[in-house]
C-alpha atoms as a PDB file:
ATOM      1  CA  MET A   1     120.904  96.743  89.752  1.00  0.00           C
ATOM      2  CA  LEU A   2     123.426  95.424  92.230  1.00  0.00           C
ATOM      3  CA  LEU A   3     126.503  97.568  92.599  1.00  0.00           C
ATOM      4  CA  LYS A   4     128.446  95.542  95.124  1.00  0.00           C
ATOM      5  CA  SER A   5     129.066  91.873  95.557  1.00  0.00           C
ATOM      6  CA  ASN A   6     126.190  90.215  97.361  1.00  0.00           C
ATOM      7  CA  ILE A   7     127.248  86.668  98.131  1.00  0.00           C
ATOM      8  CA  ASN A   8     125.574  85.848 101.434  1.00  0.00           C
ATOM      9  CA  LYS A   9     126.180  82.116 101.640  1.00  0.00           C
ATOM     10  CA  GLN A  10     128.195  79.440  99.940  1.00  0.00           C
ATOM     11  CA  VAL A  11     126.180  77.938  97.135  1.00  0.00           C
ATOM     12  CA  SER A  12     127.522  75.015  95.162  1.00  0.00           C
ATOM     13  CA  VAL A  13     127.783  75.511  91.428  1.00  0.00           C
ATOM     14  CA  LYS A  14     125.622  73.109  89.445  1.00  0.00           C
ATOM     15  CA  ASN A  15     126.070  71.759  85.941  1.00  0.00           C
ATOM     16  CA  GLN A  16     123.834  74.402  84.470  1.00  0.00           C
ATOM     17  CA  PHE A  17     124.040  77.438  82.239  1.00  0.00           C
ATOM     18  CA  ILE A  18     121.604  80.326  82.457  1.00  0.00           C
ATOM     19  CA  PHE A  19     120.147  82.526  79.739  1.00  0.00           C
ATOM     20  CA  ILE A  20     118.206  85.620  80.832  1.00  0.00           C
ATOM     21  CA  ALA A  21     116.384  87.723  78.269  1.00  0.00           C
ATOM     22  CA  SER A  22     113.242  89.744  77.806  1.00  0.00           C
ATOM     23  CA  ASP A  23     113.772  89.260  74.048  1.00  0.00           C
ATOM     24  CA  PHE A  24     114.525  85.584  73.387  1.00  0.00           C
ATOM     25  CA  LYS A  25     115.480  85.973  69.730  1.00  0.00           C
ATOM     26  CA  GLY A  26     117.223  89.348  69.990  1.00  0.00           C
ATOM     27  CA  LYS A  27     119.493  88.183  72.807  1.00  0.00           C
ATOM     28  CA  GLY A  28     120.625  85.083  70.892  1.00  0.00           C
ATOM     29  CA  GLY A  29     118.190  82.543  72.354  1.00  0.00           C
ATOM     30  CA  GLU A  30     117.774  80.426  69.233  1.00  0.00           C
ATOM     31  CA  LEU A  31     121.523  80.060  68.720  1.00  0.00           C
ATOM     32  CA  ILE A  32     122.098  79.390  72.427  1.00  0.00           C
ATOM     33  CA  VAL A  33     119.480  76.628  72.651  1.00  0.00           C
ATOM     34  CA  LYS A  34     120.657  74.992  69.408  1.00  0.00           C
ATOM     35  CA  ALA A  35     124.280  75.014  70.591  1.00  0.00           C
ATOM     36  CA  PHE A  36     123.279  73.682  73.996  1.00  0.00           C
ATOM     37  CA  SER A  37     121.313  70.897  72.322  1.00  0.00           C
ATOM     38  CA  LEU A  38     124.442  69.809  70.448  1.00  0.00           C
ATOM     39  CA  PHE A  39     126.614  70.104  73.570  1.00  0.00           C
ATOM     40  CA  GLN A  40     124.290  68.200  75.885  1.00  0.00           C
ATOM     41  CA  LYS A  41     124.146  65.136  73.621  1.00  0.00           C
ATOM     42  CA  ASN A  42     127.487  64.180  75.190  1.00  0.00           C
ATOM     43  CA  ASN A  43     126.937  66.049  78.459  1.00  0.00           C
ATOM     44  CA  LEU A  44     123.591  64.860  79.766  1.00  0.00           C
ATOM     45  CA  ALA A  45     124.384  66.067  83.274  1.00  0.00           C
ATOM     46  CA  TYR A  46     124.029  69.689  82.129  1.00  0.00           C
ATOM     47  CA  SER A  47     120.937  71.832  81.840  1.00  0.00           C
ATOM     48  CA  LEU A  48     120.141  75.197  80.303  1.00  0.00           C
ATOM     49  CA  LEU A  49     117.887  77.448  82.355  1.00  0.00           C
ATOM     50  CA  ILE A  50     115.932  80.146  80.531  1.00  0.00           C
ATOM     51  CA  VAL A  51     114.567  83.146  82.420  1.00  0.00           C
ATOM     52  CA  GLY A  52     112.432  85.878  80.863  1.00  0.00           C
ATOM     53  CA  GLN A  53     110.484  85.741  77.629  1.00  0.00           C
ATOM     54  CA  LYS A  54     109.027  82.324  76.895  1.00  0.00           C
ATOM     55  CA  PRO A  55     110.793  80.712  73.937  1.00  0.00           C
ATOM     56  CA  PRO A  56     108.883  78.984  71.162  1.00  0.00           C
ATOM     57  CA  SER A  57     107.741  75.535  72.336  1.00  0.00           C
ATOM     58  CA  LYS A  58     110.154  73.710  70.003  1.00  0.00           C
ATOM     59  CA  PHE A  59     113.041  75.007  72.154  1.00  0.00           C
ATOM     60  CA  ILE A  60     111.449  74.058  75.475  1.00  0.00           C
ATOM     61  CA  LYS A  61     110.924  70.489  74.235  1.00  0.00           C
ATOM     62  CA  ILE A  62     114.689  69.966  73.930  1.00  0.00           C
ATOM     63  CA  PRO A  63     115.980  67.699  76.733  1.00  0.00           C
ATOM     64  CA  ASN A  64     117.492  69.560  79.696  1.00  0.00           C
ATOM     65  CA  VAL A  65     116.249  72.957  78.508  1.00  0.00           C
ATOM     66  CA  ILE A  66     114.200  74.356  81.398  1.00  0.00           C
ATOM     67  CA  TYR A  67     112.078  77.469  81.089  1.00  0.00           C
ATOM     68  CA  LEU A  68     111.691  79.132  84.509  1.00  0.00           C
ATOM     69  CA  GLY A  69     109.518  82.041  83.408  1.00  0.00           C
ATOM     70  CA  TYR A  70     109.915  85.681  84.294  1.00  0.00           C
ATOM     71  CA  ILE A  71     111.564  86.503  87.627  1.00  0.00           C
ATOM     72  CA  ASP A  72     110.675  89.902  89.068  1.00  0.00           C
ATOM     73  CA  LYS A  73     113.913  91.092  90.669  1.00  0.00           C
ATOM     74  CA  SER A  74     112.145  94.172  92.071  1.00  0.00           C
ATOM     75  CA  SER A  75     110.585  91.891  94.700  1.00  0.00           C
ATOM     76  CA  PRO A  76     112.795  90.562  97.518  1.00  0.00           C
ATOM     77  CA  LYS A  77     111.877  86.936  96.729  1.00  0.00           C
ATOM     78  CA  GLY A  78     112.491  87.420  93.001  1.00  0.00           C
ATOM     79  CA  LEU A  79     115.887  89.031  93.641  1.00  0.00           C
ATOM     80  CA  GLU A  80     116.818  86.215  96.017  1.00  0.00           C
ATOM     81  CA  ASN A  81     115.815  83.600  93.401  1.00  0.00           C
ATOM     82  CA  LEU A  82     117.757  85.321  90.626  1.00  0.00           C
ATOM     83  CA  ASN A  83     120.831  85.741  92.832  1.00  0.00           C
ATOM     84  CA  GLN A  84     120.733  82.045  93.688  1.00  0.00           C
ATOM     85  CA  LEU A  85     120.512  81.115  89.997  1.00  0.00           C
ATOM     86  CA  PHE A  86     123.566  83.272  89.240  1.00  0.00           C
ATOM     87  CA  GLN A  87     125.498  81.683  92.101  1.00  0.00           C
ATOM     88  CA  GLU A  88     124.546  78.133  91.096  1.00  0.00           C
ATOM     89  CA  SER A  89     125.191  78.483  87.345  1.00  0.00           C
ATOM     90  CA  LYS A  90     128.484  77.692  85.615  1.00  0.00           C
ATOM     91  CA  SER A  91     127.959  80.641  83.308  1.00  0.00           C
ATOM     92  CA  MET A  92     125.411  82.985  81.870  1.00  0.00           C
ATOM     93  CA  ILE A  93     125.156  83.130  78.080  1.00  0.00           C
ATOM     94  CA  LEU A  94     124.221  86.310  76.262  1.00  0.00           C
ATOM     95  CA  LEU A  95     124.797  86.629  72.528  1.00  0.00           C
ATOM     96  CA  THR A  96     122.929  89.881  72.103  1.00  0.00           C
ATOM     97  CA  ARG A  97     122.640  92.058  69.037  1.00  0.00           C
ATOM     98  CA  LYS A  98     120.658  94.692  70.899  1.00  0.00           C
ATOM     99  CA  ASP A  99     122.717  95.903  73.864  1.00  0.00           C
ATOM    100  CA  ILE A 100     125.650  98.190  74.481  1.00  0.00           C
ATOM    101  CA  LEU A 101     126.512  96.674  77.875  1.00  0.00           C
ATOM    102  CA  PRO A 102     123.878  94.361  79.371  1.00  0.00           C
ATOM    103  CA  LEU A 103     123.540  94.963  83.110  1.00  0.00           C
ATOM    104  CA  THR A 104     122.986  91.253  83.688  1.00  0.00           C
ATOM    105  CA  ILE A 105     126.717  90.747  82.992  1.00  0.00           C
ATOM    106  CA  ILE A 106     127.495  92.992  85.959  1.00  0.00           C
ATOM    107  CA  GLU A 107     124.747  91.562  88.168  1.00  0.00           C
ATOM    108  CA  GLY A 108     125.825  87.985  87.510  1.00  0.00           C
ATOM    109  CA  GLY A 109     129.508  88.860  87.813  1.00  0.00           C
ATOM    110  CA  LEU A 110     129.013  90.401  91.245  1.00  0.00           C
ATOM    111  CA  LEU A 111     127.645  87.023  92.310  1.00  0.00           C
ATOM    112  CA  GLY A 112     130.497  85.035  90.756  1.00  0.00           C
ATOM    113  CA  CYS A 113     128.720  84.031  87.554  1.00  0.00           C
ATOM    114  CA  PRO A 114     130.952  84.607  84.524  1.00  0.00           C
ATOM    115  CA  THR A 115     129.356  85.271  81.145  1.00  0.00           C
ATOM    116  CA  ILE A 116     129.781  83.896  77.651  1.00  0.00           C
ATOM    117  CA  ALA A 117     129.091  86.852  75.355  1.00  0.00           C
ATOM    118  CA  ASN A 118     129.859  88.246  71.942  1.00  0.00           C
ATOM    119  CA  PRO A 119     132.556  90.947  71.709  1.00  0.00           C
ATOM    120  CA  LEU A 120     130.236  93.734  70.570  1.00  0.00           C
ATOM    121  CA  ASN A 121     129.896  97.336  71.735  1.00  0.00           C
ATOM    122  CA  ALA A 122     131.060  97.796  75.366  1.00  0.00           C
ATOM    123  CA  ILE A 123     130.783  94.134  76.343  1.00  0.00           C
ATOM    124  CA  PRO A 124     134.599  93.584  76.129  1.00  0.00           C
ATOM    125  CA  GLU A 125     135.020  96.316  78.750  1.00  0.00           C
ATOM    126  CA  ALA A 126     133.151  94.121  81.247  1.00  0.00           C
ATOM    127  CA  ILE A 127     134.470  90.700  80.198  1.00  0.00           C
ATOM    128  CA  GLU A 128     138.130  89.788  79.913  1.00  0.00           C
ATOM    129  CA  HIS A 129     138.318  86.671  77.736  1.00  0.00           C
ATOM    130  CA  LEU A 130     139.396  83.581  79.725  1.00  0.00           C
ATOM    131  CA  LYS A 131     139.865  85.702  82.870  1.00  0.00           C
ATOM    132  CA  THR A 132     136.377  86.922  83.857  1.00  0.00           C
ATOM    133  CA  GLY A 133     134.322  85.172  81.186  1.00  0.00           C
ATOM    134  CA  TRP A 134     134.396  84.219  77.530  1.00  0.00           C
ATOM    135  CA  LEU A 135     134.112  86.445  74.465  1.00  0.00           C
ATOM    136  CA  ILE A 136     133.094  84.544  71.355  1.00  0.00           C
ATOM    137  CA  GLU A 137     131.584  85.276  67.973  1.00  0.00           C
ATOM    138  CA  SER A 138     127.885  84.470  67.687  1.00  0.00           C
ATOM    139  CA  ASN A 139     128.555  81.120  66.078  1.00  0.00           C
ATOM    140  CA  ILE A 140     127.052  77.767  67.009  1.00  0.00           C
ATOM    141  CA  ASN A 141     130.374  75.879  66.810  1.00  0.00           C
ATOM    142  CA  LYS A 142     132.197  78.474  68.942  1.00  0.00           C
ATOM    143  CA  LEU A 143     129.471  78.275  71.563  1.00  0.00           C
ATOM    144  CA  VAL A 144     129.525  74.459  71.652  1.00  0.00           C
ATOM    145  CA  GLU A 145     133.336  74.603  72.038  1.00  0.00           C
ATOM    146  CA  THR A 146     132.966  77.085  74.903  1.00  0.00           C
ATOM    147  CA  PHE A 147     130.385  74.906  76.673  1.00  0.00           C
ATOM    148  CA  LYS A 148     132.823  71.977  76.380  1.00  0.00           C
ATOM    149  CA  TYR A 149     135.722  74.109  77.583  1.00  0.00           C
ATOM    150  CA  ILE A 150     133.816  75.177  80.701  1.00  0.00           C
ATOM    151  CA  ALA A 151     132.581  71.637  81.390  1.00  0.00           C
ATOM    152  CA  ASN A 152     136.156  70.322  81.223  1.00  0.00           C
ATOM    153  CA  MET A 153     137.814  73.031  83.347  1.00  0.00           C
ATOM    154  CA  ASN A 154     139.387  71.833  86.550  1.00  0.00           C
ATOM    155  CA  SER A 155     137.888  73.306  89.701  1.00  0.00           C
ATOM    156  CA  SER A 156     140.851  75.568  90.522  1.00  0.00           C
ATOM    157  CA  GLN A 157     140.797  77.139  87.022  1.00  0.00           C
ATOM    158  CA  TYR A 158     137.065  77.607  87.178  1.00  0.00           C
ATOM    159  CA  ASN A 159     137.072  79.023  90.730  1.00  0.00           C
ATOM    160  CA  LEU A 160     139.754  81.529  89.696  1.00  0.00           C
ATOM    161  CA  ILE A 161     137.433  82.846  86.957  1.00  0.00           C
ATOM    162  CA  ARG A 162     134.589  83.173  89.471  1.00  0.00           C
ATOM    163  CA  GLN A 163     136.837  85.062  91.914  1.00  0.00           C
ATOM    164  CA  SER A 164     138.214  87.264  89.114  1.00  0.00           C
ATOM    165  CA  VAL A 165     134.768  88.260  87.850  1.00  0.00           C
ATOM    166  CA  ILE A 166     133.640  89.233  91.369  1.00  0.00           C
ATOM    167  CA  LYS A 167     136.807  91.293  91.870  1.00  0.00           C
ATOM    168  CA  LYS A 168     136.475  93.061  88.500  1.00  0.00           C
ATOM    169  CA  MET A 169     132.822  93.930  89.027  1.00  0.00           C
ATOM    170  CA  ASP A 170     133.408  95.049  92.634  1.00  0.00           C
ATOM    171  CA  GLU A 171     136.267  97.329  91.549  1.00  0.00           C
ATOM    172  CA  GLU A 172     134.920  98.739  88.292  1.00  0.00           C
ATOM    173  CA  TYR A 173     131.155  98.873  88.770  1.00  0.00           C
ATOM    174  CA  ASN A 174     130.724 100.399  92.213  1.00  0.00           C
ATOM    175  CA  TRP A 175     129.332 103.878  92.815  1.00  0.00           C
ATOM    176  CA  ASP A 176     132.764 105.390  93.582  1.00  0.00           C
ATOM    177  CA  SER A 177     134.259 104.107  90.321  1.00  0.00           C
ATOM    178  CA  ILE A 178     131.241 105.266  88.342  1.00  0.00           C
ATOM    179  CA  LEU A 179     131.455 108.744  89.866  1.00  0.00           C
ATOM    180  CA  ILE A 180     135.196 109.001  89.143  1.00  0.00           C
ATOM    181  CA  ASN A 181     134.599 107.950  85.525  1.00  0.00           C
ATOM    182  CA  ILE A 182     131.839 110.531  85.130  1.00  0.00           C
ATOM    183  CA  LEU A 183     133.911 113.318  86.665  1.00  0.00           C
ATOM    184  CA  THR A 184     136.974 112.343  84.625  1.00  0.00           C
ATOM    185  CA  GLY A 185     134.869 112.414  81.454  1.00  0.00           C
ATOM    186  CA  ILE A 186     133.435 115.835  82.336  1.00  0.00           C
ATOM    187  CA  ASN A 187     136.889 117.274  82.993  1.00  0.00           C
ATOM    188  CA  ASN A 188     138.414 115.980  79.754  1.00  0.00           C
END
């Protein structure tokens, strides 16, 4: 896990969203791909990148849905590839039913990639709606609306979200902050 911002070079953001999951269905993959399919009918310049567990073939056959396979971030090359995907993507999408606080939200955020996620468990502690990402209900129409919203943002609005997510993750998810939170919890 990254615990400080690691942006080494300027990478231009592409018209792509990224979904990373070792459990395609449990992390909302079916809903995400279906919503993207509806969105991209009027936004052909966008793609959805899937990293991790291979989705059923019917999802990979959808235009502009690209399965990249598993990326091993424990290897230097894998980590470099994943970091580049975070930096190049408009947003990560994670509509999980199985996590308290997915670390990928922090990892992507440290690299300027905001997340679209559902407001469950501790996820709202990491994502401030419309400031460092988007909190939505796991609903196909809400997700399509959010894709459209992001696609139509002007560059200054969008860049502010990217800067805000880096700042939040740098400040709240570094070793010093974690230690202070642990010690504060022990003393209370």
